[in-house]
Every structure is written in structure tokens, then in C-alpha cells.
């Protein structure tokens, strides 16, 4: 299954990389590479992640990578729509899916 990163998904990933790079550019690159590898597993198994508890909709799921939640929408393709820190509070209304 094809994996598509939405603009907001890419924006959130870029923000995380920049944040980590403040202390270690090398560690930021390693983290992003590992996260992307983790997301690629979804191509062969789109149900790998769990349903996002705050949304409770079967087609909106997440996988966890270290301290981050990778939020995705499962349809004819997989749309990664946000990467957020595990301790970050959010309301489902905050998560517009920009497919």
C-alpha cells in the first residue's frame, strides 16, 4: 500500500527534526531515518498501528516510535497526517486531515 505524507505530516516531522538538531544534528537525522523506516512497515501491514484513542475511529490509527506518535489515516492509501510527542495534549478537532 502506498504511503503519502500530508503537508501537515511533513511539517510536524520537520519541526521535530529541527528541535532535535538543536542539540545534535546527527541524532536528528538518525531519529528521522528510523521513524521513516518504522512508517514504511505500514505499506505491508496498514493495520499495524492501533486506533487513535482520542478519535476512536477504525480508519484513524497510530504507530509509536520512541516518544512520538505517528498518526495516519487508512484508506485506499495510507496518509500520515501528523507526528506528535506522546505527552502532547490534543483534541481530535485539532487534527485536520489535509489529504
PDB file of N, CA and C in Angstrom:
ATOM      1  N   UNK A   1       0.852  -1.171   0.000  1.00  0.00           N
ATOM      2  CA  UNK A   1       0.000   0.000   0.000  1.00  0.00           C
ATOM      3  C   UNK A   1       0.903   1.241   0.000  1.00  0.00           C
ATOM      4  N   UNK A   2       0.505   2.238  -0.747  1.00  0.00           N
ATOM      5  CA  UNK A   2       1.290   3.459  -0.854  1.00  0.00           C
ATOM      6  C   UNK A   2       1.129   4.326   0.400  1.00  0.00           C
ATOM      7  N   UNK A   3       2.227   4.931   0.831  1.00  0.00           N
ATOM      8  CA  UNK A   3       2.216   5.828   1.980  1.00  0.00           C
ATOM      9  C   UNK A   3       2.416   7.257   1.478  1.00  0.00           C
ATOM     10  N   UNK A   4       1.489   8.128   1.844  1.00  0.00           N
ATOM     11  CA  UNK A   4       1.532   9.535   1.465  1.00  0.00           C
ATOM     12  C   UNK A   4       1.687  10.366   2.739  1.00  0.00           C
ATOM     13  N   UNK A   5       2.648  11.273   2.739  1.00  0.00           N
ATOM     14  CA  UNK A   5       2.797  12.224   3.840  1.00  0.00           C
ATOM     15  C   UNK A   5       2.052  13.491   3.470  1.00  0.00           C
ATOM     16  N   UNK A   6       1.095  13.893   4.280  1.00  0.00           N
ATOM     17  CA  UNK A   6       0.360  15.131   4.026  1.00  0.00           C
ATOM     18  C   UNK A   6       1.262  16.323   4.356  1.00  0.00           C
ATOM     19  N   UNK A   7       0.910  17.513   3.884  1.00  0.00           N
ATOM     20  CA  UNK A   7       1.709  18.692   4.232  1.00  0.00           C
ATOM     21  C   UNK A   7       1.876  18.879   5.744  1.00  0.00           C
ATOM     22  N   UNK A   8       0.810  18.692   6.517  1.00  0.00           N
ATOM     23  CA  UNK A   8       0.897  18.834   7.976  1.00  0.00           C
ATOM     24  C   UNK A   8       1.766  17.740   8.588  1.00  0.00           C
ATOM     25  N   UNK A   9       1.692  16.552   8.021  1.00  0.00           N
ATOM     26  CA  UNK A   9       2.534  15.456   8.492  1.00  0.00           C
ATOM     27  C   UNK A   9       4.007  15.774   8.289  1.00  0.00           C
ATOM     28  N   UNK A  10       4.345  16.262   7.098  1.00  0.00           N
ATOM     29  CA  UNK A  10       5.733  16.645   6.811  1.00  0.00           C
ATOM     30  C   UNK A  10       6.177  17.820   7.665  1.00  0.00           C
ATOM     31  N   UNK A  11       5.275  18.768   7.867  1.00  0.00           N
ATOM     32  CA  UNK A  11       5.589  19.938   8.691  1.00  0.00           C
ATOM     33  C   UNK A  11       5.899  19.525  10.125  1.00  0.00           C
ATOM     34  N   UNK A  12       5.103  18.615  10.675  1.00  0.00           N
ATOM     35  CA  UNK A  12       5.346  18.186  12.055  1.00  0.00           C
ATOM     36  C   UNK A  12       6.651  17.400  12.159  1.00  0.00           C
ATOM     37  N   UNK A  13       6.951  16.560  11.165  1.00  0.00           N
ATOM     38  CA  UNK A  13       8.204  15.804  11.168  1.00  0.00           C
ATOM     39  C   UNK A  13       9.400  16.751  11.052  1.00  0.00           C
ATOM     40  N   UNK A  14       9.293  17.749  10.198  1.00  0.00           N
ATOM     41  CA  UNK A  14      10.361  18.728  10.029  1.00  0.00           C
ATOM     42  C   UNK A  14      10.600  19.501  11.334  1.00  0.00           C
ATOM     43  N   UNK A  15       9.534  19.859  12.012  1.00  0.00           N
ATOM     44  CA  UNK A  15       9.667  20.570  13.281  1.00  0.00           C
ATOM     45  C   UNK A  15      10.380  19.736  14.337  1.00  0.00           C
ATOM     46  N   UNK A  16      10.069  18.450  14.375  1.00  0.00           N
ATOM     47  CA  UNK A  16      10.720  17.545  15.328  1.00  0.00           C
ATOM     48  C   UNK A  16      12.205  17.424  14.993  1.00  0.00           C
ATOM     49  N   UNK A  17      12.502  17.265  13.710  1.00  0.00           N
ATOM     50  CA  UNK A  17      13.900  17.144  13.311  1.00  0.00           C
ATOM     51  C   UNK A  17      14.680  18.413  13.700  1.00  0.00           C
ATOM     52  N   UNK A  18      14.117  19.575  13.447  1.00  0.00           N
ATOM     53  CA  UNK A  18      14.787  20.831  13.795  1.00  0.00           C
ATOM     54  C   UNK A  18      14.984  20.959  15.306  1.00  0.00           C
ATOM     55  N   UNK A  19      13.989  20.520  16.068  1.00  0.00           N
ATOM     56  CA  UNK A  19      14.089  20.588  17.519  1.00  0.00           C
ATOM     57  C   UNK A  19      15.229  19.708  18.023  1.00  0.00           C
ATOM     58  N   UNK A  20      15.294  18.471  17.552  1.00  0.00           N
ATOM     59  CA  UNK A  20      16.357  17.545  17.981  1.00  0.00           C
ATOM     60  C   UNK A  20      17.722  18.049  17.507  1.00  0.00           C
ATOM     61  N   UNK A  21      17.761  18.619  16.308  1.00  0.00           N
ATOM     62  CA  UNK A  21      19.022  19.089  15.725  1.00  0.00           C
ATOM     63  C   UNK A  21      19.644  20.241  16.512  1.00  0.00           C
ATOM     64  N   UNK A  22      18.862  20.933  17.331  1.00  0.00           N
ATOM     65  CA  UNK A  22      19.424  21.999  18.159  1.00  0.00           C
ATOM     66  C   UNK A  22      20.529  21.452  19.065  1.00  0.00           C
ATOM     67  N   UNK A  23      20.354  20.215  19.515  1.00  0.00           N
ATOM     68  CA  UNK A  23      21.345  19.574  20.382  1.00  0.00           C
ATOM     69  C   UNK A  23      22.281  18.651  19.612  1.00  0.00           C
ATOM     70  N   UNK A  24      21.762  18.010  18.562  1.00  0.00           N
ATOM     71  CA  UNK A  24      22.593  17.066  17.825  1.00  0.00           C
ATOM     72  C   UNK A  24      22.027  16.845  16.420  1.00  0.00           C
ATOM     73  N   UNK A  25      22.598  17.498  15.422  1.00  0.00           N
ATOM     74  CA  UNK A  25      22.137  17.286  14.047  1.00  0.00           C
ATOM     75  C   UNK A  25      22.221  15.809  13.619  1.00  0.00           C
ATOM     76  N   UNK A  26      23.273  15.137  14.039  1.00  0.00           N
ATOM     77  CA  UNK A  26      23.410  13.725  13.681  1.00  0.00           C
ATOM     78  C   UNK A  26      22.287  12.898  14.299  1.00  0.00           C
ATOM     79  N   UNK A  27      21.994  13.131  15.559  1.00  0.00           N
ATOM     80  CA  UNK A  27      20.920  12.392  16.226  1.00  0.00           C
ATOM     81  C   UNK A  27      19.568  12.683  15.584  1.00  0.00           C
ATOM     82  N   UNK A  28      19.360  13.909  15.137  1.00  0.00           N
ATOM     83  CA  UNK A  28      18.114  14.276  14.462  1.00  0.00           C
ATOM     84  C   UNK A  28      17.961  13.476  13.170  1.00  0.00           C
ATOM     85  N   UNK A  29      19.038  13.371  12.397  1.00  0.00           N
ATOM     86  CA  UNK A  29      18.988  12.608  11.146  1.00  0.00           C
ATOM     87  C   UNK A  29      18.729  11.126  11.405  1.00  0.00           C
ATOM     88  N   UNK A  30      19.365  10.584  12.430  1.00  0.00           N
ATOM     89  CA  UNK A  30      19.169   9.172  12.781  1.00  0.00           C
ATOM     90  C   UNK A  30      17.729   8.936  13.207  1.00  0.00           C
ATOM     91  N   UNK A  31      17.205   9.822  14.056  1.00  0.00           N
ATOM     92  CA  UNK A  31      15.834   9.672  14.537  1.00  0.00           C
ATOM     93  C   UNK A  31      14.844   9.672  13.375  1.00  0.00           C
ATOM     94  N   UNK A  32      14.965  10.644  12.483  1.00  0.00           N
ATOM     95  CA  UNK A  32      14.030  10.748  11.361  1.00  0.00           C
ATOM     96  C   UNK A  32      14.150   9.525  10.451  1.00  0.00           C
ATOM     97  N   UNK A  33      15.362   9.073  10.199  1.00  0.00           N
ATOM     98  CA  UNK A  33      15.559   7.887   9.366  1.00  0.00           C
ATOM     99  C   UNK A  33      14.878   6.656   9.979  1.00  0.00           C
ATOM    100  N   UNK A  34      15.061   6.477  11.277  1.00  0.00           N
ATOM    101  CA  UNK A  34      14.428   5.339  11.959  1.00  0.00           C
ATOM    102  C   UNK A  34      12.908   5.469  11.958  1.00  0.00           C
ATOM    103  N   UNK A  35      12.395   6.675  12.163  1.00  0.00           N
ATOM    104  CA  UNK A  35      10.950   6.884  12.143  1.00  0.00           C
ATOM    105  C   UNK A  35      10.384   6.567  10.759  1.00  0.00           C
ATOM    106  N   UNK A  36      11.053   7.025   9.717  1.00  0.00           N
ATOM    107  CA  UNK A  36      10.588   6.741   8.348  1.00  0.00           C
ATOM    108  C   UNK A  36      10.606   5.245   8.063  1.00  0.00           C
ATOM    109  N   UNK A  37      11.636   4.546   8.530  1.00  0.00           N
ATOM    110  CA  UNK A  37      11.687   3.087   8.373  1.00  0.00           C
ATOM    111  C   UNK A  37      10.513   2.422   9.079  1.00  0.00           C
ATOM    112  N   UNK A  38      10.199   2.920  10.274  1.00  0.00           N
ATOM    113  CA  UNK A  38       9.076   2.378  11.051  1.00  0.00           C
ATOM    114  C   UNK A  38       7.765   2.587  10.295  1.00  0.00           C
ATOM    115  N   UNK A  39       7.574   3.763   9.736  1.00  0.00           N
ATOM    116  CA  UNK A  39       6.355   4.070   8.985  1.00  0.00           C
ATOM    117  C   UNK A  39       6.257   3.194   7.730  1.00  0.00           C
ATOM    118  N   UNK A  40       7.377   2.904   7.100  1.00  0.00           N
ATOM    119  CA  UNK A  40       7.372   2.076   5.887  1.00  0.00           C
ATOM    120  C   UNK A  40       6.795   0.683   6.144  1.00  0.00           C
ATOM    121  N   UNK A  41       6.862   0.204   7.371  1.00  0.00           N
ATOM    122  CA  UNK A  41       6.272  -1.099   7.709  1.00  0.00           C
ATOM    123  C   UNK A  41       4.773  -1.112   7.452  1.00  0.00           C
ATOM    124  N   UNK A  42       4.149   0.060   7.493  1.00  0.00           N
ATOM    125  CA  UNK A  42       2.706   0.150   7.264  1.00  0.00           C
ATOM    126  C   UNK A  42       2.327  -0.233   5.834  1.00  0.00           C
ATOM    127  N   UNK A  43       3.237  -0.061   4.892  1.00  0.00           N
ATOM    128  CA  UNK A  43       2.936  -0.374   3.491  1.00  0.00           C
ATOM    129  C   UNK A  43       2.495  -1.829   3.342  1.00  0.00           C
ATOM    130  N   UNK A  44       3.139  -2.721   4.080  1.00  0.00           N
ATOM    131  CA  UNK A  44       2.780  -4.135   4.013  1.00  0.00           C
ATOM    132  C   UNK A  44       1.724  -4.553   5.014  1.00  0.00           C
ATOM    133  N   UNK A  45       1.479  -3.727   5.996  1.00  0.00           N
ATOM    134  CA  UNK A  45       0.512  -4.063   7.040  1.00  0.00           C
ATOM    135  C   UNK A  45      -0.133  -2.783   7.570  1.00  0.00           C
ATOM    136  N   UNK A  46      -1.121  -2.243   6.841  1.00  0.00           N
ATOM    137  CA  UNK A  46      -1.722  -0.961   7.230  1.00  0.00           C
ATOM    138  C   UNK A  46      -2.477  -0.989   8.559  1.00  0.00           C
ATOM    139  N   UNK A  47      -2.756  -2.156   9.082  1.00  0.00           N
ATOM    140  CA  UNK A  47      -3.448  -2.264  10.374  1.00  0.00           C
ATOM    141  C   UNK A  47      -2.474  -2.458  11.531  1.00  0.00           C
ATOM    142  N   UNK A  48      -1.192  -2.261  11.257  1.00  0.00           N
ATOM    143  CA  UNK A  48      -0.163  -2.480  12.274  1.00  0.00           C
ATOM    144  C   UNK A  48      -0.395  -1.603  13.501  1.00  0.00           C
ATOM    145  N   UNK A  49      -0.766  -0.367  13.292  1.00  0.00           N
ATOM    146  CA  UNK A  49      -0.976   0.558  14.403  1.00  0.00           C
ATOM    147  C   UNK A  49      -2.302   0.329  15.108  1.00  0.00           C
ATOM    148  N   UNK A  50      -2.440   1.014  16.230  1.00  0.00           N
ATOM    149  CA  UNK A  50      -3.698   0.925  16.982  1.00  0.00           C
ATOM    150  C   UNK A  50      -4.594   2.096  16.604  1.00  0.00           C
ATOM    151  N   UNK A  51      -5.870   1.946  16.902  1.00  0.00           N
ATOM    152  CA  UNK A  51      -6.821   3.032  16.706  1.00  0.00           C
ATOM    153  C   UNK A  51      -6.408   4.184  17.630  1.00  0.00           C
ATOM    154  N   UNK A  52      -6.432   5.409  17.114  1.00  0.00           N
ATOM    155  CA  UNK A  52      -6.080   6.579  17.927  1.00  0.00           C
ATOM    156  C   UNK A  52      -7.127   6.719  19.026  1.00  0.00           C
ATOM    157  N   UNK A  53      -6.739   6.553  20.296  1.00  0.00           N
ATOM    158  CA  UNK A  53      -7.732   6.549  21.380  1.00  0.00           C
ATOM    159  C   UNK A  53      -8.612   7.795  21.424  1.00  0.00           C
ATOM    160  N   UNK A  54      -8.035   8.962  21.170  1.00  0.00           N
ATOM    161  CA  UNK A  54      -8.803  10.201  21.243  1.00  0.00           C
ATOM    162  C   UNK A  54      -9.821  10.324  20.122  1.00  0.00           C
ATOM    163  N   UNK A  55      -9.631   9.572  19.049  1.00  0.00           N
ATOM    164  CA  UNK A  55     -10.529   9.679  17.895  1.00  0.00           C
ATOM    165  C   UNK A  55     -11.491   8.492  17.819  1.00  0.00           C
ATOM    166  N   UNK A  56     -11.010   7.313  18.213  1.00  0.00           N
ATOM    167  CA  UNK A  56     -11.822   6.103  18.247  1.00  0.00           C
ATOM    168  C   UNK A  56     -12.551   5.816  16.933  1.00  0.00           C
ATOM    169  N   UNK A  57     -11.817   5.970  15.834  1.00  0.00           N
ATOM    170  CA  UNK A  57     -12.341   5.643  14.511  1.00  0.00           C
ATOM    171  C   UNK A  57     -11.394   4.629  13.875  1.00  0.00           C
ATOM    172  N   UNK A  58     -11.928   3.561  13.376  1.00  0.00           N
ATOM    173  CA  UNK A  58     -11.127   2.444  12.872  1.00  0.00           C
ATOM    174  C   UNK A  58     -10.126   2.841  11.795  1.00  0.00           C
ATOM    175  N   UNK A  59     -10.438   3.834  10.997  1.00  0.00           N
ATOM    176  CA  UNK A  59      -9.544   4.212   9.899  1.00  0.00           C
ATOM    177  C   UNK A  59      -8.483   5.235  10.296  1.00  0.00           C
ATOM    178  N   UNK A  60      -8.529   5.734  11.515  1.00  0.00           N
ATOM    179  CA  UNK A  60      -7.524   6.673  12.009  1.00  0.00           C
ATOM    180  C   UNK A  60      -6.703   5.963  13.077  1.00  0.00           C
ATOM    181  N   UNK A  61      -5.435   5.732  12.742  1.00  0.00           N
ATOM    182  CA  UNK A  61      -4.595   4.873  13.567  1.00  0.00           C
ATOM    183  C   UNK A  61      -3.278   5.554  13.886  1.00  0.00           C
ATOM    184  N   UNK A  62      -2.486   4.913  14.738  1.00  0.00           N
ATOM    185  CA  UNK A  62      -1.185   5.453  15.088  1.00  0.00           C
ATOM    186  C   UNK A  62      -0.189   4.327  15.335  1.00  0.00           C
ATOM    187  N   UNK A  63       1.067   4.637  15.045  1.00  0.00           N
ATOM    188  CA  UNK A  63       2.178   3.788  15.466  1.00  0.00           C
ATOM    189  C   UNK A  63       3.060   4.652  16.354  1.00  0.00           C
ATOM    190  N   UNK A  64       3.719   4.003  17.281  1.00  0.00           N
ATOM    191  CA  UNK A  64       4.574   4.707  18.221  1.00  0.00           C
ATOM    192  C   UNK A  64       6.030   4.486  17.819  1.00  0.00           C
ATOM    193  N   UNK A  65       6.777   5.581  17.787  1.00  0.00           N
ATOM    194  CA  UNK A  65       8.220   5.494  17.565  1.00  0.00           C
ATOM    195  C   UNK A  65       8.898   6.314  18.651  1.00  0.00           C
ATOM    196  N   UNK A  66       9.607   5.629  19.527  1.00  0.00           N
ATOM    197  CA  UNK A  66      10.221   6.247  20.703  1.00  0.00           C
ATOM    198  C   UNK A  66       9.160   7.040  21.457  1.00  0.00           C
ATOM    199  N   UNK A  67       9.333   8.355  21.600  1.00  0.00           N
ATOM    200  CA  UNK A  67       8.362   9.160  22.356  1.00  0.00           C
ATOM    201  C   UNK A  67       7.327   9.829  21.465  1.00  0.00           C
ATOM    202  N   UNK A  68       7.244   9.421  20.219  1.00  0.00           N
ATOM    203  CA  UNK A  68       6.375  10.106  19.264  1.00  0.00           C
ATOM    204  C   UNK A  68       5.282   9.197  18.728  1.00  0.00           C
ATOM    205  N   UNK A  69       4.153   9.820  18.456  1.00  0.00           N
ATOM    206  CA  UNK A  69       3.007   9.134  17.878  1.00  0.00           C
ATOM    207  C   UNK A  69       2.891   9.566  16.414  1.00  0.00           C
ATOM    208  N   UNK A  70       2.899   8.595  15.524  1.00  0.00           N
ATOM    209  CA  UNK A  70       2.741   8.864  14.094  1.00  0.00           C
ATOM    210  C   UNK A  70       1.286   8.554  13.758  1.00  0.00           C
ATOM    211  N   UNK A  71       0.522   9.597  13.445  1.00  0.00           N
ATOM    212  CA  UNK A  71      -0.909   9.459  13.207  1.00  0.00           C
ATOM    213  C   UNK A  71      -1.161   9.318  11.716  1.00  0.00           C
ATOM    214  N   UNK A  72      -1.979   8.323  11.360  1.00  0.00           N
ATOM    215  CA  UNK A  72      -2.258   8.111   9.940  1.00  0.00           C
ATOM    216  C   UNK A  72      -3.711   7.722   9.709  1.00  0.00           C
ATOM    217  N   UNK A  73      -4.135   7.989   8.490  1.00  0.00           N
ATOM    218  CA  UNK A  73      -5.485   7.678   8.035  1.00  0.00           C
ATOM    219  C   UNK A  73      -5.354   6.557   7.019  1.00  0.00           C
ATOM    220  N   UNK A  74      -6.083   5.496   7.241  1.00  0.00           N
ATOM    221  CA  UNK A  74      -6.009   4.319   6.375  1.00  0.00           C
ATOM    222  C   UNK A  74      -7.211   4.301   5.439  1.00  0.00           C
ATOM    223  N   UNK A  75      -6.944   4.443   4.148  1.00  0.00           N
ATOM    224  CA  UNK A  75      -7.989   4.392   3.121  1.00  0.00           C
ATOM    225  C   UNK A  75      -7.426   3.564   1.962  1.00  0.00           C
ATOM    226  N   UNK A  76      -7.609   4.047   0.736  1.00  0.00           N
ATOM    227  CA  UNK A  76      -7.026   3.342  -0.412  1.00  0.00           C
ATOM    228  C   UNK A  76      -5.505   3.483  -0.398  1.00  0.00           C
ATOM    229  N   UNK A  77      -5.019   4.474   0.342  1.00  0.00           N
ATOM    230  CA  UNK A  77      -3.607   4.695   0.619  1.00  0.00           C
ATOM    231  C   UNK A  77      -3.480   4.976   2.114  1.00  0.00           C
ATOM    232  N   UNK A  78      -2.260   5.051   2.587  1.00  0.00           N
ATOM    233  CA  UNK A  78      -2.020   5.445   3.970  1.00  0.00           C
ATOM    234  C   UNK A  78      -1.567   6.896   3.946  1.00  0.00           C
ATOM    235  N   UNK A  79      -2.269   7.738   4.684  1.00  0.00           N
ATOM    236  CA  UNK A  79      -1.953   9.159   4.752  1.00  0.00           C
ATOM    237  C   UNK A  79      -1.426   9.473   6.150  1.00  0.00           C
ATOM    238  N   UNK A  80      -0.148   9.788   6.252  1.00  0.00           N
ATOM    239  CA  UNK A  80       0.423  10.193   7.533  1.00  0.00           C
ATOM    240  C   UNK A  80       0.105  11.667   7.690  1.00  0.00           C
ATOM    241  N   UNK A  81      -0.719  11.990   8.696  1.00  0.00           N
ATOM    242  CA  UNK A  81      -1.190  13.366   8.808  1.00  0.00           C
ATOM    243  C   UNK A  81      -0.622  14.138   9.989  1.00  0.00           C
ATOM    244  N   UNK A  82       0.119  13.486  10.878  1.00  0.00           N
ATOM    245  CA  UNK A  82       0.742  14.231  11.968  1.00  0.00           C
ATOM    246  C   UNK A  82       1.716  13.325  12.708  1.00  0.00           C
ATOM    247  N   UNK A  83       2.755  13.943  13.255  1.00  0.00           N
ATOM    248  CA  UNK A  83       3.667  13.284  14.194  1.00  0.00           C
ATOM    249  C   UNK A  83       3.691  14.187  15.419  1.00  0.00           C
ATOM    250  N   UNK A  84       3.327  13.632  16.558  1.00  0.00           N
ATOM    251  CA  UNK A  84       3.261  14.437  17.779  1.00  0.00           C
ATOM    252  C   UNK A  84       3.999  13.728  18.910  1.00  0.00           C
ATOM    253  N   UNK A  85       4.448  14.504  19.876  1.00  0.00           N
ATOM    254  CA  UNK A  85       5.094  13.931  21.051  1.00  0.00           C
ATOM    255  C   UNK A  85       4.040  13.198  21.882  1.00  0.00           C
ATOM    256  N   UNK A  86       4.417  12.104  22.470  1.00  0.00           N
ATOM    257  CA  UNK A  86       3.495  11.288  23.244  1.00  0.00           C
ATOM    258  C   UNK A  86       2.853  12.000  24.415  1.00  0.00           C
ATOM    259  N   UNK A  87       3.520  13.012  24.947  1.00  0.00           N
ATOM    260  CA  UNK A  87       2.958  13.759  26.081  1.00  0.00           C
ATOM    261  C   UNK A  87       2.158  14.976  25.646  1.00  0.00           C
ATOM    262  N   UNK A  88       2.106  15.202  24.345  1.00  0.00           N
ATOM    263  CA  UNK A  88       1.381  16.373  23.832  1.00  0.00           C
ATOM    264  C   UNK A  88      -0.126  16.160  23.945  1.00  0.00           C
ATOM    265  N   UNK A  89      -0.781  17.116  24.543  1.00  0.00           N
ATOM    266  CA  UNK A  89      -2.240  17.087  24.641  1.00  0.00           C
ATOM    267  C   UNK A  89      -2.831  17.595  23.331  1.00  0.00           C
ATOM    268  N   UNK A  90      -3.866  16.951  22.868  1.00  0.00           N
ATOM    269  CA  UNK A  90      -4.565  17.457  21.697  1.00  0.00           C
ATOM    270  C   UNK A  90      -5.998  16.976  21.731  1.00  0.00           C
ATOM    271  N   UNK A  91      -6.824  17.688  21.016  1.00  0.00           N
ATOM    272  CA  UNK A  91      -8.215  17.306  20.839  1.00  0.00           C
ATOM    273  C   UNK A  91      -8.373  16.842  19.400  1.00  0.00           C
ATOM    274  N   UNK A  92      -9.206  15.856  19.140  1.00  0.00           N
ATOM    275  CA  UNK A  92      -9.391  15.398  17.756  1.00  0.00           C
ATOM    276  C   UNK A  92      -9.731  16.531  16.792  1.00  0.00           C
ATOM    277  N   UNK A  93     -10.396  17.548  17.280  1.00  0.00           N
ATOM    278  CA  UNK A  93     -10.754  18.680  16.421  1.00  0.00           C
ATOM    279  C   UNK A  93      -9.506  19.403  15.917  1.00  0.00           C
ATOM    280  N   UNK A  94      -8.391  19.286  16.659  1.00  0.00           N
ATOM    281  CA  UNK A  94      -7.130  19.906  16.279  1.00  0.00           C
ATOM    282  C   UNK A  94      -6.454  19.208  15.101  1.00  0.00           C
ATOM    283  N   UNK A  95      -6.903  18.017  14.800  1.00  0.00           N
ATOM    284  CA  UNK A  95      -6.212  17.179  13.816  1.00  0.00           C
ATOM    285  C   UNK A  95      -6.931  17.157  12.483  1.00  0.00           C
ATOM    286  N   UNK A  96      -6.875  18.250  11.781  1.00  0.00           N
ATOM    287  CA  UNK A  96      -7.452  18.301  10.449  1.00  0.00           C
ATOM    288  C   UNK A  96      -6.604  17.423   9.537  1.00  0.00           C
ATOM    289  N   UNK A  97      -7.239  16.537   8.797  1.00  0.00           N
ATOM    290  CA  UNK A  97      -6.525  15.645   7.887  1.00  0.00           C
ATOM    291  C   UNK A  97      -6.564  16.285   6.502  1.00  0.00           C
ATOM    292  N   UNK A  98      -5.434  16.765   6.061  1.00  0.00           N
ATOM    293  CA  UNK A  98      -5.337  17.515   4.803  1.00  0.00           C
ATOM    294  C   UNK A  98      -4.883  16.604   3.668  1.00  0.00           C
ATOM    295  N   UNK A  99      -5.783  15.768   3.209  1.00  0.00           N
ATOM    296  CA  UNK A  99      -5.464  14.815   2.135  1.00  0.00           C
ATOM    297  C   UNK A  99      -5.543  15.520   0.802  1.00  0.00           C
TER     298      UNK A  99
END
